[in-house]
Protein backbone atom coordinates (compact mmCIF):
# COMPACT_ATOMS: atom_id res chain seq x y z
CA MET A 1 -87.35 -55.59 -62.28
CA GLU A 2 -89.40 -58.35 -61.19
CA ARG A 3 -91.37 -60.19 -64.04
CA ASP A 4 -94.87 -61.25 -63.43
CA GLU A 5 -94.67 -64.67 -64.66
CA SER A 6 -98.40 -65.25 -64.17
CA ARG A 7 -99.30 -62.97 -67.12
CA ILE A 8 -96.33 -63.82 -69.46
CA SER A 9 -97.37 -63.51 -72.92
CA ILE A 10 -95.99 -65.64 -75.69
CA ASP A 11 -95.52 -65.41 -79.42
CA PRO A 12 -98.48 -67.36 -81.39
CA LEU A 13 -96.35 -67.52 -84.61
CA GLY A 14 -93.19 -68.77 -82.89
CA SER A 15 -91.94 -72.30 -83.63
CA PRO A 16 -92.61 -74.93 -80.87
CA GLU A 17 -89.17 -75.05 -79.88
CA SER A 18 -88.93 -71.26 -79.44
CA VAL A 19 -92.14 -71.10 -77.67
CA ALA A 20 -90.84 -73.97 -75.40
CA ALA A 21 -87.63 -72.05 -74.80
CA GLU A 22 -89.46 -69.20 -73.87
CA LEU A 23 -91.47 -70.87 -71.24
CA SER A 24 -88.59 -72.96 -69.92
CA GLY A 25 -87.88 -72.17 -66.07
CA LEU A 26 -91.52 -71.29 -65.35
CA HIS A 27 -94.00 -72.85 -63.02
CA PRO A 28 -96.23 -75.19 -64.84
CA VAL A 29 -99.06 -73.30 -63.60
CA ASP A 30 -97.73 -70.14 -65.32
CA VAL A 31 -97.02 -72.26 -68.46
CA ALA A 32 -100.65 -73.55 -68.44
CA ASP A 33 -101.89 -69.71 -68.04
CA ALA A 34 -99.89 -68.44 -70.98
CA LEU A 35 -100.86 -71.18 -73.27
CA SER A 36 -104.35 -70.83 -72.47
CA ARG A 37 -104.40 -67.15 -73.11
CA ALA A 38 -102.33 -67.52 -76.20
CA GLY A 39 -105.05 -68.08 -78.66
CA ILE A 40 -103.17 -70.93 -80.77
CA ASP A 41 -104.71 -74.18 -81.92
CA GLY A 42 -104.35 -77.74 -80.51
CA GLU A 43 -101.85 -78.86 -82.98
CA LEU A 44 -99.31 -76.23 -82.09
CA LEU A 45 -100.09 -76.60 -78.35
CA THR A 46 -99.58 -80.33 -78.66
CA LYS A 47 -96.19 -79.66 -80.42
CA ILE A 48 -95.21 -77.20 -77.78
CA LEU A 49 -95.91 -79.78 -74.85
CA GLY A 50 -93.93 -82.31 -76.83
CA GLU A 51 -90.75 -80.14 -76.44
CA LEU A 52 -91.24 -80.34 -72.62
CA ASP A 53 -90.45 -83.05 -70.20
CA THR A 54 -93.40 -85.46 -69.68
CA GLU A 55 -93.83 -85.03 -66.02
CA ILE A 56 -93.90 -81.10 -66.49
CA ALA A 57 -95.93 -81.48 -69.67
CA ALA A 58 -98.50 -83.56 -67.44
CA GLU A 59 -98.51 -80.75 -64.86
CA VAL A 60 -99.13 -78.18 -67.39
CA ILE A 61 -102.21 -80.13 -68.71
CA ILE A 62 -103.94 -80.48 -65.71
CA ASN A 63 -103.82 -76.62 -65.00
CA LEU A 64 -105.09 -75.70 -68.71
CA ASP A 65 -108.82 -74.64 -68.95
CA GLU A 66 -111.10 -77.24 -70.02
CA HIS A 67 -111.49 -75.73 -73.52
CA THR A 68 -107.76 -75.42 -74.24
CA LEU A 69 -107.19 -78.92 -72.61
CA GLY A 70 -110.14 -80.27 -75.10
CA ASP A 71 -108.03 -78.85 -78.32
CA ILE A 72 -105.06 -80.72 -77.04
CA LEU A 73 -106.68 -83.99 -76.48
CA ASP A 74 -108.34 -83.86 -79.64
CA VAL A 75 -104.90 -84.02 -81.42
CA LEU A 76 -102.96 -86.41 -79.05
CA ASP A 77 -103.00 -90.17 -79.84
CA PRO A 78 -104.22 -92.54 -77.26
CA PRO A 79 -100.73 -93.62 -76.32
CA GLU A 80 -99.42 -89.91 -75.79
CA ILE A 81 -102.52 -89.33 -73.60
CA ALA A 82 -101.89 -92.57 -71.67
CA GLU A 83 -98.31 -91.66 -70.92
CA ILE A 84 -99.53 -88.23 -69.64
CA ALA A 85 -102.04 -89.74 -67.51
CA SER A 86 -99.54 -92.23 -66.02
CA GLU A 87 -97.69 -89.12 -64.61
CA LEU A 88 -100.84 -87.65 -62.74
CA GLU A 89 -102.61 -88.47 -59.69
CA SER A 90 -105.69 -90.54 -60.12
CA ASP A 91 -108.09 -87.81 -59.82
CA ASP A 92 -106.43 -85.72 -62.48
CA ALA A 93 -105.99 -88.67 -64.78
CA ALA A 94 -109.71 -89.40 -64.51
CA ASP A 95 -110.54 -85.87 -65.22
CA VAL A 96 -108.40 -86.09 -68.44
CA VAL A 97 -109.73 -89.65 -69.62
CA GLY A 98 -113.33 -88.45 -68.78
CA LEU A 99 -113.21 -85.73 -71.53
CA LEU A 100 -112.69 -88.14 -74.27
CA ASP A 101 -115.11 -89.86 -76.35
CA GLU A 102 -116.19 -93.59 -75.66
CA ASP A 103 -113.65 -94.90 -78.28
CA LYS A 104 -110.80 -92.85 -77.41
CA LYS A 105 -111.55 -93.55 -73.87
CA ALA A 106 -111.35 -97.24 -74.18
CA HIS A 107 -108.01 -96.90 -76.26
CA VAL A 108 -106.46 -94.77 -73.57
CA LEU A 109 -107.51 -97.17 -70.76
CA SER A 110 -106.08 -99.94 -72.49
CA GLN A 111 -102.63 -98.24 -72.61
CA LEU A 112 -102.50 -97.79 -68.65
CA ASP A 113 -100.94 -100.25 -66.32
CA SER A 114 -103.59 -102.57 -64.35
CA ASP A 115 -103.00 -100.22 -61.09
CA ASP A 116 -103.61 -96.76 -63.05
CA ARG A 117 -106.45 -98.41 -65.14
CA LYS A 118 -108.35 -99.50 -62.16
CA ALA A 119 -107.76 -96.27 -60.16
CA VAL A 120 -109.13 -94.11 -63.08
CA LEU A 121 -112.13 -96.65 -63.82
CA ASP A 122 -113.24 -96.44 -59.89
CA LEU A 123 -113.09 -92.64 -60.13
CA LEU A 124 -114.96 -92.50 -63.35
CA GLN A 125 -117.83 -94.13 -61.85
CA TYR A 126 -118.91 -91.10 -59.97
CA THR A 127 -120.38 -87.94 -61.01
CA ASP A 128 -117.99 -84.94 -61.76
CA GLU A 129 -119.49 -82.72 -58.91
CA SER A 130 -119.50 -85.43 -56.34
CA ALA A 131 -116.81 -85.91 -53.62
CA GLY A 132 -115.85 -89.08 -55.59
CA GLY A 133 -115.44 -87.19 -58.78
CA ILE A 134 -112.70 -84.90 -57.05
CA MET A 135 -111.11 -87.35 -54.78
CA ALA A 136 -107.79 -88.90 -55.30
CA SER A 137 -107.50 -92.47 -54.56
CA GLU A 138 -103.61 -92.22 -53.47
CA LEU A 139 -103.38 -92.13 -49.87
CA VAL A 140 -101.60 -93.66 -46.82
CA TYR A 141 -103.57 -95.99 -44.60
CA VAL A 142 -102.54 -98.64 -42.02
CA ASN A 143 -104.33 -101.10 -40.15
CA SER A 144 -105.07 -100.13 -36.42
CA ASP A 145 -102.83 -103.09 -35.37
CA ALA A 146 -99.93 -101.22 -36.93
CA SER A 147 -97.16 -99.31 -35.15
CA VAL A 148 -95.87 -96.06 -35.51
CA ASP A 149 -92.60 -97.48 -37.47
CA ASP A 150 -94.84 -99.39 -39.87
CA ALA A 151 -96.86 -95.96 -40.43
CA ILE A 152 -93.54 -93.97 -41.10
CA ALA A 153 -92.27 -96.97 -43.44
CA LEU A 154 -95.35 -96.73 -45.33
CA ILE A 155 -95.16 -92.97 -45.81
CA ARG A 156 -91.71 -93.54 -47.37
CA ALA A 157 -92.66 -95.96 -49.64
CA ALA A 158 -95.70 -94.05 -50.94
CA ALA A 159 -93.91 -90.81 -51.26
CA ASP A 160 -93.43 -90.94 -55.03
CA GLU A 161 -97.04 -91.75 -55.44
CA VAL A 162 -98.74 -89.63 -52.88
CA GLU A 163 -98.27 -85.76 -52.81
CA GLU A 164 -98.68 -83.56 -49.79
CA ILE A 165 -99.14 -86.33 -47.20
CA HIS A 166 -101.03 -84.62 -44.21
CA ASN A 167 -102.36 -87.56 -42.46
CA VAL A 168 -102.23 -91.34 -42.09
CA TYR A 169 -105.76 -93.02 -42.08
CA ILE A 170 -106.20 -95.82 -39.79
CA THR A 171 -108.55 -98.65 -40.89
CA ASP A 172 -109.78 -102.16 -39.52
CA ARG A 173 -109.25 -105.30 -41.22
CA GLU A 174 -112.14 -104.57 -43.68
CA ARG A 175 -110.47 -101.26 -44.64
CA LYS A 176 -113.45 -99.39 -42.88
CA LEU A 177 -112.20 -95.94 -41.52
CA ALA A 178 -111.33 -95.96 -37.76
CA GLY A 179 -109.37 -92.99 -37.12
CA VAL A 180 -106.85 -90.49 -38.52
CA LEU A 181 -103.32 -89.87 -37.37
CA PRO A 182 -102.03 -86.47 -38.44
CA LEU A 183 -98.47 -86.39 -39.60
CA GLY A 184 -97.09 -84.20 -36.60
CA THR A 185 -98.58 -86.59 -33.87
CA LEU A 186 -97.04 -89.41 -35.97
CA LEU A 187 -93.36 -88.05 -36.09
CA LEU A 188 -93.65 -86.91 -32.24
CA ALA A 189 -94.80 -90.52 -31.16
CA ARG A 190 -92.33 -93.08 -29.51
CA LYS A 191 -91.08 -96.10 -31.63
CA GLY A 192 -93.12 -99.08 -31.34
CA THR A 193 -96.38 -97.37 -30.21
CA ARG A 194 -99.32 -98.65 -31.77
CA VAL A 195 -101.24 -96.36 -34.11
CA ALA A 196 -104.54 -97.06 -32.43
CA GLU A 197 -103.17 -95.69 -29.17
CA ILE A 198 -102.54 -92.18 -30.70
CA MET A 199 -105.01 -91.74 -33.43
CA GLU A 200 -107.94 -89.34 -33.35
CA GLU A 201 -111.20 -91.50 -33.47
CA ASP A 202 -113.45 -88.61 -34.05
CA VAL A 203 -112.87 -88.27 -37.71
CA VAL A 204 -114.78 -85.96 -40.10
CA SER A 205 -115.16 -87.78 -43.22
CA VAL A 206 -117.46 -87.51 -46.33
CA SER A 207 -119.49 -89.90 -48.55
CA ALA A 208 -118.19 -90.39 -52.11
CA GLU A 209 -121.69 -89.34 -53.21
CA MET A 210 -121.75 -86.04 -51.35
CA ASP A 211 -122.07 -82.91 -53.65
CA GLN A 212 -118.77 -81.29 -54.19
CA GLU A 213 -120.28 -77.89 -52.93
CA ASP A 214 -121.41 -79.62 -49.49
CA VAL A 215 -117.78 -80.98 -49.22
CA ALA A 216 -116.50 -77.55 -49.63
CA ASN A 217 -118.89 -76.47 -46.84
CA VAL A 218 -117.39 -79.19 -44.53
CA PHE A 219 -113.89 -77.98 -45.30
CA MET A 220 -114.67 -74.39 -44.37
CA LYS A 221 -116.62 -75.50 -41.22
CA TYR A 222 -113.84 -77.54 -39.65
CA ASP A 223 -110.88 -75.71 -41.08
CA LEU A 224 -109.54 -78.90 -42.86
CA VAL A 225 -106.61 -79.14 -45.38
CA ALA A 226 -107.81 -82.92 -46.00
CA ILE A 227 -110.49 -85.10 -45.68
CA PRO A 228 -110.92 -89.09 -46.08
CA VAL A 229 -113.81 -90.13 -48.46
CA VAL A 230 -115.84 -93.37 -47.63
CA ASP A 231 -118.17 -95.37 -49.47
CA GLY A 232 -121.95 -96.38 -48.52
CA GLU A 233 -120.27 -99.17 -46.15
CA GLY A 234 -117.83 -96.79 -44.38
CA MET A 235 -114.81 -98.18 -46.43
CA LEU A 236 -111.87 -95.76 -47.29
CA VAL A 237 -111.96 -95.20 -50.99
CA GLY A 238 -109.86 -91.86 -51.18
CA ARG A 239 -109.33 -88.41 -49.99
CA ILE A 240 -109.69 -84.91 -51.01
CA THR A 241 -107.17 -82.13 -50.28
CA VAL A 242 -107.55 -78.46 -50.02
CA ASP A 243 -106.30 -77.40 -53.30
CA ASP A 244 -109.17 -79.57 -54.86
CA ILE A 245 -111.69 -77.41 -52.72
CA MET A 246 -110.14 -74.33 -53.78
CA ASP A 247 -110.93 -75.28 -57.38
CA VAL A 248 -114.56 -76.33 -56.40
CA ILE A 249 -115.14 -73.15 -54.63
CA ARG A 250 -114.28 -71.16 -57.67
CA ASP A 251 -116.00 -73.14 -60.21
CA GLU A 252 -119.20 -73.02 -58.06
CA ALA A 253 -118.85 -69.11 -57.66
CA GLU A 254 -118.47 -68.65 -61.21
CA GLU A 255 -121.38 -71.20 -61.93
CA ASP A 256 -123.70 -68.96 -59.74
CA ILE A 257 -122.53 -65.69 -61.33
CA THR A 258 -123.15 -66.84 -64.68
CA LEU A 259 -126.82 -68.44 -63.49
CA MET A 260 -127.51 -65.11 -61.83
CA ALA A 261 -127.00 -63.53 -65.41
CA GLY A 262 -129.19 -66.22 -67.12
CA THR A 263 -126.37 -67.87 -68.83
CA ARG A 264 -123.89 -70.84 -68.57
CA ASP A 265 -120.26 -71.13 -68.36
CA GLU A 266 -119.66 -72.79 -71.84
CA GLU A 267 -120.27 -69.65 -73.59
CA ILE A 268 -116.95 -68.05 -72.32
CA HIS A 269 -114.89 -70.21 -74.67
CA GLU A 270 -117.57 -70.73 -77.20
CA ASP A 271 -116.88 -69.00 -80.64
CA SER A 272 -120.15 -69.84 -82.46
CA THR A 273 -122.34 -66.84 -82.45
CA LEU A 274 -125.47 -69.07 -82.93
CA ARG A 275 -124.41 -71.31 -79.93
CA VAL A 276 -123.92 -68.51 -77.50
CA SER A 277 -127.08 -67.25 -78.74
CA TRP A 278 -128.78 -70.53 -77.81
CA ILE A 279 -127.49 -70.46 -74.43
CA ARG A 280 -128.68 -67.11 -73.67
CA LEU A 281 -132.03 -67.30 -75.31
CA PRO A 282 -133.86 -69.42 -72.76
CA TRP A 283 -133.52 -66.72 -69.87
CA LEU A 284 -134.18 -63.99 -72.37
CA VAL A 285 -137.42 -65.80 -73.52
CA ILE A 286 -138.39 -65.79 -70.07
CA GLY A 287 -137.75 -62.36 -69.64
CA ALA A 288 -139.79 -61.33 -72.71
CA LEU A 289 -142.65 -63.53 -71.92
CA GLY A 290 -142.56 -61.85 -68.13
CA GLY A 291 -142.71 -58.61 -70.09
CA LEU A 292 -145.55 -59.55 -72.22
CA ALA A 293 -147.53 -60.78 -69.24
CA SER A 294 -146.87 -57.61 -67.58
CA ALA A 295 -148.09 -55.67 -70.77
CA SER A 296 -151.13 -58.02 -70.65
CA VAL A 297 -151.84 -57.11 -66.94
CA MET A 298 -151.55 -53.66 -67.74
CA SER A 299 -154.11 -54.03 -70.64
CA LEU A 300 -156.57 -55.49 -68.64
CA TYR A 301 -156.46 -52.34 -66.30
CA SER A 302 -156.12 -49.74 -69.62
CA PHE A 303 -159.35 -48.09 -68.13
CA SER A 304 -157.89 -47.08 -65.33
CA PHE A 305 -155.09 -45.41 -67.03
CA GLU A 306 -157.62 -43.51 -69.03
CA LYS A 307 -159.33 -42.24 -66.03
CA VAL A 308 -155.89 -41.47 -64.13
CA LEU A 309 -152.91 -41.15 -66.19
CA ALA A 310 -150.73 -40.51 -63.06
CA LEU A 311 -150.99 -44.24 -62.27
CA ALA A 312 -148.50 -44.90 -65.23
CA PHE A 313 -145.92 -42.67 -63.52
CA PHE A 314 -145.11 -45.14 -60.55
CA ILE A 315 -145.16 -48.29 -62.28
CA PRO A 316 -141.20 -48.37 -62.66
CA VAL A 317 -141.01 -47.79 -58.83
CA ILE A 318 -143.02 -50.68 -58.29
CA THR A 319 -141.34 -53.00 -60.33
CA ALA A 320 -137.84 -51.99 -59.53
CA MET A 321 -138.67 -52.32 -55.84
CA GLY A 322 -140.07 -55.75 -56.32
CA GLY A 323 -137.21 -56.78 -58.10
CA ASN A 324 -134.64 -55.22 -55.83
CA VAL A 325 -136.19 -56.69 -52.58
CA GLY A 326 -136.38 -60.12 -54.39
CA LEU A 327 -132.60 -59.98 -55.38
CA GLN A 328 -131.67 -59.22 -51.81
CA THR A 329 -133.58 -61.76 -50.30
CA SER A 330 -132.63 -64.62 -52.60
CA THR A 331 -128.87 -63.67 -52.40
CA ILE A 332 -128.98 -63.94 -48.69
CA ILE A 333 -130.58 -67.28 -48.72
CA VAL A 334 -128.61 -68.70 -51.29
CA ARG A 335 -125.44 -67.54 -49.75
CA GLY A 336 -126.65 -69.02 -46.34
CA MET A 337 -127.17 -72.52 -48.33
CA HIS A 338 -123.48 -72.15 -49.48
CA ALA A 339 -122.42 -71.53 -45.79
CA ASP A 340 -124.25 -73.84 -43.71
CA GLY A 341 -125.05 -77.09 -44.77
CA GLY A 342 -128.03 -77.39 -42.59
CA PHE A 343 -129.56 -74.00 -43.58
CA GLU A 344 -131.78 -75.30 -46.33
CA SER A 345 -133.78 -77.51 -43.80
CA ASP A 346 -134.95 -74.24 -41.88
CA VAL A 347 -137.23 -72.87 -44.19
CA GLY A 348 -139.71 -71.50 -41.57
CA SER A 349 -137.27 -69.76 -39.54
CA ARG A 350 -135.70 -67.84 -42.54
CA LEU A 351 -139.09 -67.16 -43.72
CA ARG A 352 -140.31 -65.55 -40.59
CA ARG A 353 -137.00 -63.63 -40.21
CA GLU A 354 -137.26 -61.96 -43.79
CA TRP A 355 -140.92 -61.50 -43.13
CA ARG A 356 -140.11 -59.26 -40.11
CA ILE A 357 -137.34 -57.29 -42.09
CA ALA A 358 -139.84 -57.07 -44.96
CA ILE A 359 -142.44 -55.71 -42.90
CA THR A 360 -140.00 -53.06 -41.28
CA ASN A 361 -139.07 -52.04 -44.91
CA ALA A 362 -142.43 -52.00 -46.20
CA VAL A 363 -143.79 -49.64 -43.46
CA LEU A 364 -140.92 -47.38 -43.69
CA LEU A 365 -140.93 -47.30 -47.46
CA GLY A 366 -144.63 -47.38 -47.89
CA ILE A 367 -145.00 -44.33 -45.50
CA ALA A 368 -142.21 -42.34 -47.23
CA VAL A 369 -143.64 -42.89 -50.83
CA PHE A 370 -147.07 -41.95 -49.57
CA LEU A 371 -145.86 -38.61 -48.12
CA ILE A 372 -144.12 -37.74 -51.42
CA VAL A 373 -146.58 -38.83 -53.87
CA GLY A 374 -149.31 -36.81 -51.54
CA LEU A 375 -147.41 -33.88 -51.47
CA TRP A 376 -146.24 -33.93 -54.94
CA LEU A 377 -149.65 -34.70 -56.83
CA LYS A 378 -152.02 -33.46 -53.83
CA ASP A 379 -153.81 -36.56 -54.45
CA TRP A 380 -153.78 -38.60 -51.16
CA VAL A 381 -155.96 -41.36 -52.47
CA LEU A 382 -153.45 -42.06 -55.30
CA ALA A 383 -150.72 -41.67 -52.55
CA THR A 384 -152.52 -44.43 -50.59
CA ILE A 385 -152.76 -46.78 -53.29
CA VAL A 386 -149.11 -46.35 -54.41
CA GLY A 387 -147.61 -46.24 -50.62
CA GLY A 388 -149.91 -49.72 -50.01
CA ALA A 389 -148.98 -51.27 -53.24
CA LEU A 390 -145.27 -50.51 -52.52
CA GLY A 391 -145.40 -52.04 -49.24
CA THR A 392 -147.30 -55.26 -50.54
CA VAL A 393 -144.91 -55.67 -53.19
CA ILE A 394 -141.93 -55.61 -50.85
CA LEU A 395 -143.78 -58.46 -48.68
CA VAL A 396 -144.48 -60.56 -51.60
CA ALA A 397 -141.09 -60.22 -53.05
CA ALA A 398 -139.38 -61.05 -50.05
CA THR A 399 -141.61 -64.19 -49.73
CA LEU A 400 -140.77 -65.24 -53.09
CA GLY A 401 -136.92 -64.58 -52.76
CA THR A 402 -137.08 -66.82 -49.61
CA ILE A 403 -139.11 -69.68 -50.99
CA MET A 404 -137.91 -70.10 -54.57
CA PRO A 405 -134.19 -70.91 -53.51
CA PHE A 406 -135.52 -73.66 -51.33
CA THR A 407 -137.93 -74.88 -53.83
CA LEU A 408 -135.48 -75.02 -56.58
CA ARG A 409 -133.01 -76.86 -54.33
CA ARG A 410 -135.52 -79.36 -53.58
CA LEU A 411 -136.36 -79.77 -57.33
CA GLY A 412 -132.57 -80.45 -57.90
CA VAL A 413 -131.85 -77.07 -59.58
CA ASP A 414 -129.10 -74.55 -58.39
CA PRO A 415 -130.79 -72.13 -56.17
CA ALA A 416 -128.64 -69.52 -57.92
CA VAL A 417 -131.04 -69.53 -60.68
CA ALA A 418 -133.42 -67.50 -58.27
CA GLN A 419 -131.34 -64.82 -58.43
CA GLY A 420 -131.58 -64.19 -62.10
CA PRO A 421 -134.38 -63.18 -64.53
CA PHE A 422 -136.72 -65.87 -62.93
CA VAL A 423 -137.62 -64.26 -59.81
CA THR A 424 -137.10 -60.91 -61.39
CA THR A 425 -139.69 -61.26 -63.94
CA LEU A 426 -141.93 -63.09 -61.57
CA ASN A 427 -141.94 -60.11 -59.16
CA ASP A 428 -142.46 -57.53 -62.14
CA VAL A 429 -145.94 -59.50 -63.26
CA ILE A 430 -147.12 -59.56 -59.66
CA GLY A 431 -146.09 -56.21 -58.66
CA ILE A 432 -147.85 -54.72 -61.60
CA LEU A 433 -150.85 -56.87 -60.81
CA ILE A 434 -151.10 -55.82 -57.20
CA TYR A 435 -150.49 -52.09 -58.05
CA LEU A 436 -153.13 -52.08 -60.82
CA GLY A 437 -155.68 -54.27 -58.75
CA LEU A 438 -155.44 -52.00 -55.97
CA ALA A 439 -155.75 -48.80 -58.11
CA THR A 440 -158.75 -50.30 -59.73
CA LEU A 441 -160.65 -51.34 -56.39
CA PHE A 442 -160.32 -47.63 -55.44
CA LEU A 443 -160.72 -46.13 -59.19
CA ASP A 444 -163.71 -44.25 -57.93
CA MET A 445 -162.19 -42.34 -55.32
CA LEU A 446 -159.41 -41.04 -57.59
CA SER A 447 -159.17 -37.39 -58.72
């Protein structure tokens, strides 16, 4: 029977030697998965890794979840971390070093050779979620005057340092990106040919300061497997490969899901009840305040309930519809932002589109509810109020669901927040205000 190595379990009470033997022969990713799920402390994890070859241990470490990796780094000494970092590509080494406190980071950097230290320091200057933060500085590039033979020689020389070479990048004498030469084109070219004659000059590149989510959009738009990264002056500083983008897409999706629920990723590995409570509390407070605001609005119109108790029957319909429409609209808007880098600049056309849809739904649902309430309670004035309020709430919710993601994006806040308690609570308050305000306006006409 074939073993599912990706879900292998290990004995957390076993000795480091026995656990390492149990994991021997597995892919480093499977080893990292097993260790991440084992629930063992950082000291034992460190001993297990110590039984593995340094190169294998380094690959395991970069595939551990951040919580488990942090436990290990707390136990390892700076020379041990430096030895592991020296086996990693620059972007992975920078990720590891970036998790350390300032004192330990300085000690680790002092243990690295000058080239590795410079590469890590160069990457650490960029924010974690920028193109510079996820790029690797290892790449193959040649001057535009070089020949095909020179490029092939450079690839052979860099084979140990650069994994998965997809392209050779062509630069001018100032190292400004001038073109790209796919590996297949290079191998099929005649000897002695200048790379400038066969390179692709129309290069898709990204700025080192670009947000990683926008980089992922560029990858998907152009179906890339690797992309060069340039600084503000157009100089080649690194490259990003598709495996890094897969991680970005996963991380961004997980972040959006947690934001929609009004929480954060940190709580997944957090054991402290108080800390998890503190993470969730702000959004719950917003929800509670929104509920109190709704109750306050209802209290202002208590005389309407005293006169016509049936008004209370339809409050859940109004609030639920506002929340559903707002969620549908904001989800489509946020999804569009992720799928198209230019989407967020087209607020007007998106708002007009959502209004057209909202008006159609408002008319259809308003008429349906009008008929249902009228036939049910035999009160056509009340039916008109409920149907009219429902249609109005649909329009307002669609407007908020469209505008809020764009507004939050402009303010530097992840627009996925708009899909959570924020817009839902706001729609509840506004929906009740519209419904009861309309009911009060026609109160004397109600049965």
